[in-house]
C-alpha atoms as a PDB file:
ATOM      1  CA  UNK A   1      47.676 119.057 114.889  1.00  0.00           C
ATOM      2  CA  UNK A   2      45.816 119.864 111.688  1.00  0.00           C
ATOM      3  CA  UNK A   3      47.438 120.491 108.336  1.00  0.00           C
ATOM      4  CA  UNK A   4      44.664 122.957 107.496  1.00  0.00           C
ATOM      5  CA  UNK A   5      43.392 126.114 109.187  1.00  0.00           C
ATOM      6  CA  UNK A   6      40.155 125.674 111.144  1.00  0.00           C
ATOM      7  CA  UNK A   7      38.386 128.426 109.193  1.00  0.00           C
ATOM      8  CA  UNK A   8      38.917 126.292 106.091  1.00  0.00           C
ATOM      9  CA  UNK A   9      37.828 122.963 107.558  1.00  0.00           C
ATOM     10  CA  UNK A  10      35.031 123.955 109.942  1.00  0.00           C
ATOM     11  CA  UNK A  11      32.422 124.317 107.142  1.00  0.00           C
ATOM     12  CA  UNK A  12      33.303 120.777 106.013  1.00  0.00           C
ATOM     13  CA  UNK A  13      32.893 119.520 109.568  1.00  0.00           C
ATOM     14  CA  UNK A  14      29.585 121.339 109.794  1.00  0.00           C
ATOM     15  CA  UNK A  15      28.363 119.717 106.604  1.00  0.00           C
ATOM     16  CA  UNK A  16      28.997 116.254 108.065  1.00  0.00           C
ATOM     17  CA  UNK A  17      27.543 117.138 111.473  1.00  0.00           C
ATOM     18  CA  UNK A  18      24.361 118.461 109.840  1.00  0.00           C
ATOM     19  CA  UNK A  19      23.800 114.948 108.453  1.00  0.00           C
ATOM     20  CA  UNK A  20      23.774 113.556 111.981  1.00  0.00           C
ATOM     21  CA  UNK A  21      27.128 111.831 111.520  1.00  0.00           C
ATOM     22  CA  UNK A  22      29.155 111.510 114.720  1.00  0.00           C
ATOM     23  CA  UNK A  23      32.639 112.918 114.523  1.00  0.00           C
ATOM     24  CA  UNK A  24      35.490 110.932 116.065  1.00  0.00           C
ATOM     25  CA  UNK A  25      38.417 113.130 117.025  1.00  0.00           C
ATOM     26  CA  UNK A  26      40.580 110.824 119.155  1.00  0.00           C
ATOM     27  CA  UNK A  27      41.939 107.285 118.817  1.00  0.00           C
ATOM     28  CA  UNK A  28      39.993 106.320 121.942  1.00  0.00           C
ATOM     29  CA  UNK A  29      36.701 107.399 120.347  1.00  0.00           C
ATOM     30  CA  UNK A  30      37.558 105.313 117.281  1.00  0.00           C
ATOM     31  CA  UNK A  31      38.338 102.241 119.377  1.00  0.00           C
ATOM     32  CA  UNK A  32      35.097 102.575 121.339  1.00  0.00           C
ATOM     33  CA  UNK A  33      32.904 102.571 118.229  1.00  0.00           C
ATOM     34  CA  UNK A  34      34.801  99.916 116.253  1.00  0.00           C
ATOM     35  CA  UNK A  35      35.128  97.257 118.927  1.00  0.00           C
ATOM     36  CA  UNK A  36      33.407  93.929 118.261  1.00  0.00           C
ATOM     37  CA  UNK A  37      29.774  93.854 119.290  1.00  0.00           C
ATOM     38  CA  UNK A  38      28.967  97.390 118.138  1.00  0.00           C
ATOM     39  CA  UNK A  39      26.860  96.189 115.205  1.00  0.00           C
ATOM     40  CA  UNK A  40      27.223  97.874 111.840  1.00  0.00           C
ATOM     41  CA  UNK A  41      29.355 101.002 111.629  1.00  0.00           C
ATOM     42  CA  UNK A  42      30.107 103.164 108.605  1.00  0.00           C
ATOM     43  CA  UNK A  43      33.376 105.093 108.973  1.00  0.00           C
ATOM     44  CA  UNK A  44      33.554 107.981 106.513  1.00  0.00           C
ATOM     45  CA  UNK A  45      37.057 109.390 106.043  1.00  0.00           C
ATOM     46  CA  UNK A  46      36.412 113.045 105.285  1.00  0.00           C
ATOM     47  CA  UNK A  47      38.798 115.113 103.196  1.00  0.00           C
ATOM     48  CA  UNK A  48      39.338 118.632 101.918  1.00  0.00           C
ATOM     49  CA  UNK A  49      39.719 117.425  98.326  1.00  0.00           C
ATOM     50  CA  UNK A  50      37.351 118.225  95.483  1.00  0.00           C
ATOM     51  CA  UNK A  51      35.965 114.708  95.161  1.00  0.00           C
ATOM     52  CA  UNK A  52      35.000 114.792  98.843  1.00  0.00           C
ATOM     53  CA  UNK A  53      33.186 118.084  98.318  1.00  0.00           C
ATOM     54  CA  UNK A  54      31.586 117.231  94.998  1.00  0.00           C
ATOM     55  CA  UNK A  55      30.813 113.536  95.314  1.00  0.00           C
ATOM     56  CA  UNK A  56      31.619 111.851  98.642  1.00  0.00           C
ATOM     57  CA  UNK A  57      29.968 114.160 101.205  1.00  0.00           C
ATOM     58  CA  UNK A  58      26.890 114.770  99.019  1.00  0.00           C
ATOM     59  CA  UNK A  59      26.685 111.014  98.338  1.00  0.00           C
ATOM     60  CA  UNK A  60      26.892 110.299 102.054  1.00  0.00           C
ATOM     61  CA  UNK A  61      24.126 112.839 102.688  1.00  0.00           C
ATOM     62  CA  UNK A  62      21.908 111.175 100.080  1.00  0.00           C
ATOM     63  CA  UNK A  63      22.598 107.736 101.573  1.00  0.00           C
ATOM     64  CA  UNK A  64      21.406 108.986 104.967  1.00  0.00           C
ATOM     65  CA  UNK A  65      17.914 109.340 103.440  1.00  0.00           C
ATOM     66  CA  UNK A  66      17.726 105.576 102.847  1.00  0.00           C
ATOM     67  CA  UNK A  67      15.587 103.577 105.271  1.00  0.00           C
ATOM     68  CA  UNK A  68      18.400 101.019 105.727  1.00  0.00           C
ATOM     69  CA  UNK A  69      21.417 102.446 107.495  1.00  0.00           C
ATOM     70  CA  UNK A  70      24.213 101.164 109.719  1.00  0.00           C
ATOM     71  CA  UNK A  71      23.716 101.220 113.480  1.00  0.00           C
ATOM     72  CA  UNK A  72      26.349 103.966 113.653  1.00  0.00           C
ATOM     73  CA  UNK A  73      27.653 106.429 111.066  1.00  0.00           C
ATOM     74  CA  UNK A  74      30.857 108.152 112.119  1.00  0.00           C
ATOM     75  CA  UNK A  75      33.583 110.227 110.529  1.00  0.00           C
ATOM     76  CA  UNK A  76      37.246 111.050 110.909  1.00  0.00           C
ATOM     77  CA  UNK A  77      38.848 113.955 109.089  1.00  0.00           C
ATOM     78  CA  UNK A  78      42.063 113.119 107.193  1.00  0.00           C
ATOM     79  CA  UNK A  79      44.691 115.825 107.469  1.00  0.00           C
ATOM     80  CA  UNK A  80      42.852 117.377 110.407  1.00  0.00           C
ATOM     81  CA  UNK A  81      42.321 114.797 113.140  1.00  0.00           C
ATOM     82  CA  UNK A  82      45.343 112.792 112.120  1.00  0.00           C
ATOM     83  CA  UNK A  83      45.599 110.496 115.149  1.00  0.00           C
ATOM     84  CA  UNK A  84      41.911 109.527 114.951  1.00  0.00           C
ATOM     85  CA  UNK A  85      42.225 108.980 111.200  1.00  0.00           C
ATOM     86  CA  UNK A  86      45.324 106.820 111.639  1.00  0.00           C
ATOM     87  CA  UNK A  87      43.532 104.783 114.299  1.00  0.00           C
ATOM     88  CA  UNK A  88      40.469 104.283 112.076  1.00  0.00           C
ATOM     89  CA  UNK A  89      42.658 103.245 109.154  1.00  0.00           C
ATOM     90  CA  UNK A  90      44.472 100.750 111.376  1.00  0.00           C
ATOM     91  CA  UNK A  91      41.221  98.768 111.364  1.00  0.00           C
ATOM     92  CA  UNK A  92      41.375  98.471 107.574  1.00  0.00           C
ATOM     93  CA  UNK A  93      45.135  98.406 107.115  1.00  0.00           C
ATOM     94  CA  UNK A  94      44.926  95.720 104.414  1.00  0.00           C
ATOM     95  CA  UNK A  95      43.678  98.515 102.130  1.00  0.00           C
ATOM     96  CA  UNK A  96      45.752 101.509 101.062  1.00  0.00           C
ATOM     97  CA  UNK A  97      44.729 104.761 102.725  1.00  0.00           C
ATOM     98  CA  UNK A  98      42.763 107.139 100.575  1.00  0.00           C
ATOM     99  CA  UNK A  99      40.733 110.256 101.155  1.00  0.00           C
ATOM    100  CA  UNK A 100      37.839 110.262 100.942  1.00  0.00           C
ATOM    101  CA  UNK A 101      37.083 106.700 101.911  1.00  0.00           C
ATOM    102  CA  UNK A 102      34.176 104.832 103.501  1.00  0.00           C
ATOM    103  CA  UNK A 103      34.504 101.558 105.399  1.00  0.00           C
ATOM    104  CA  UNK A 104      31.513  99.539 106.529  1.00  0.00           C
ATOM    105  CA  UNK A 105      32.112  97.336 109.561  1.00  0.00           C
ATOM    106  CA  UNK A 106      29.948  94.546 110.887  1.00  0.00           C
ATOM    107  CA  UNK A 107      30.773  93.397 114.407  1.00  0.00           C
ATOM    108  CA  UNK A 108      34.271  94.849 114.233  1.00  0.00           C
ATOM    109  CA  UNK A 109      35.230  93.561 110.767  1.00  0.00           C
ATOM    110  CA  UNK A 110      35.403  95.420 107.453  1.00  0.00           C
ATOM    111  CA  UNK A 111      32.771  94.060 105.081  1.00  0.00           C
ATOM    112  CA  UNK A 112      32.859  96.795 102.410  1.00  0.00           C
ATOM    113  CA  UNK A 113      35.332  99.540 101.551  1.00  0.00           C
ATOM    114  CA  UNK A 114      34.810 102.366  99.104  1.00  0.00           C
ATOM    115  CA  UNK A 115      38.089 103.973  98.094  1.00  0.00           C
ATOM    116  CA  UNK A 116      38.812 107.304  96.454  1.00  0.00           C
ATOM    117  CA  UNK A 117      39.241 105.596  93.061  1.00  0.00           C
ATOM    118  CA  UNK A 118      35.647 104.327  93.397  1.00  0.00           C
ATOM    119  CA  UNK A 119      34.503 107.926  93.994  1.00  0.00           C
ATOM    120  CA  UNK A 120      36.596 110.061  91.618  1.00  0.00           C
ATOM    121  CA  UNK A 121      34.942 110.762  88.290  1.00  0.00           C
ATOM    122  CA  UNK A 122      31.536 109.560  89.452  1.00  0.00           C
ATOM    123  CA  UNK A 123      28.667 111.515  90.969  1.00  0.00           C
ATOM    124  CA  UNK A 124      27.016 112.001  94.342  1.00  0.00           C
ATOM    125  CA  UNK A 125      24.225 109.662  93.280  1.00  0.00           C
ATOM    126  CA  UNK A 126      26.753 106.986  92.287  1.00  0.00           C
ATOM    127  CA  UNK A 127      28.380 107.256  95.722  1.00  0.00           C
ATOM    128  CA  UNK A 128      24.954 107.084  97.344  1.00  0.00           C
ATOM    129  CA  UNK A 129      24.152 103.975  95.333  1.00  0.00           C
ATOM    130  CA  UNK A 130      27.386 102.265  96.437  1.00  0.00           C
ATOM    131  CA  UNK A 131      26.729 103.122 100.083  1.00  0.00           C
ATOM    132  CA  UNK A 132      23.063 102.123 100.003  1.00  0.00           C
ATOM    133  CA  UNK A 133      23.895  98.815  98.288  1.00  0.00           C
ATOM    134  CA  UNK A 134      26.412  98.036 101.050  1.00  0.00           C
ATOM    135  CA  UNK A 135      23.918  99.044 103.745  1.00  0.00           C
ATOM    136  CA  UNK A 136      21.205  96.872 102.237  1.00  0.00           C
ATOM    137  CA  UNK A 137      23.583  93.922 101.961  1.00  0.00           C
ATOM    138  CA  UNK A 138      25.022  94.083 105.486  1.00  0.00           C
ATOM    139  CA  UNK A 139      22.721  96.219 107.642  1.00  0.00           C
ATOM    140  CA  UNK A 140      19.261  94.917 106.765  1.00  0.00           C
ATOM    141  CA  UNK A 141      19.851  91.566 108.451  1.00  0.00           C
END
């Protein structure tokens, strides 16, 4: 069950889908993409907040233009697909939950995590730079 009406969140979903990011809506979908052996996976925790709209989603979109990307880029929507989000966060439970948030996995293990406090007060290009730096460090190999 979502905390927000669909007419409010669907444009945000559409924005992510237009980037070619795969949406995970169930815990089973999360488990399938985060199991060991799936290569590099970026999990973007989407949110309805202003920093998601102004910095995180635009930064993610800019990062998708980089030639070096994870094998998979997926998203869960905090406050909307709550079970899928909880399942994704269970894979990085050593970190406090935040929205938005981006976790880069390599072979089932978190290698980089960008929290809300790394996003707030920055810009879309700063978020892009953080994501691209992580991709170049862990995905280019």
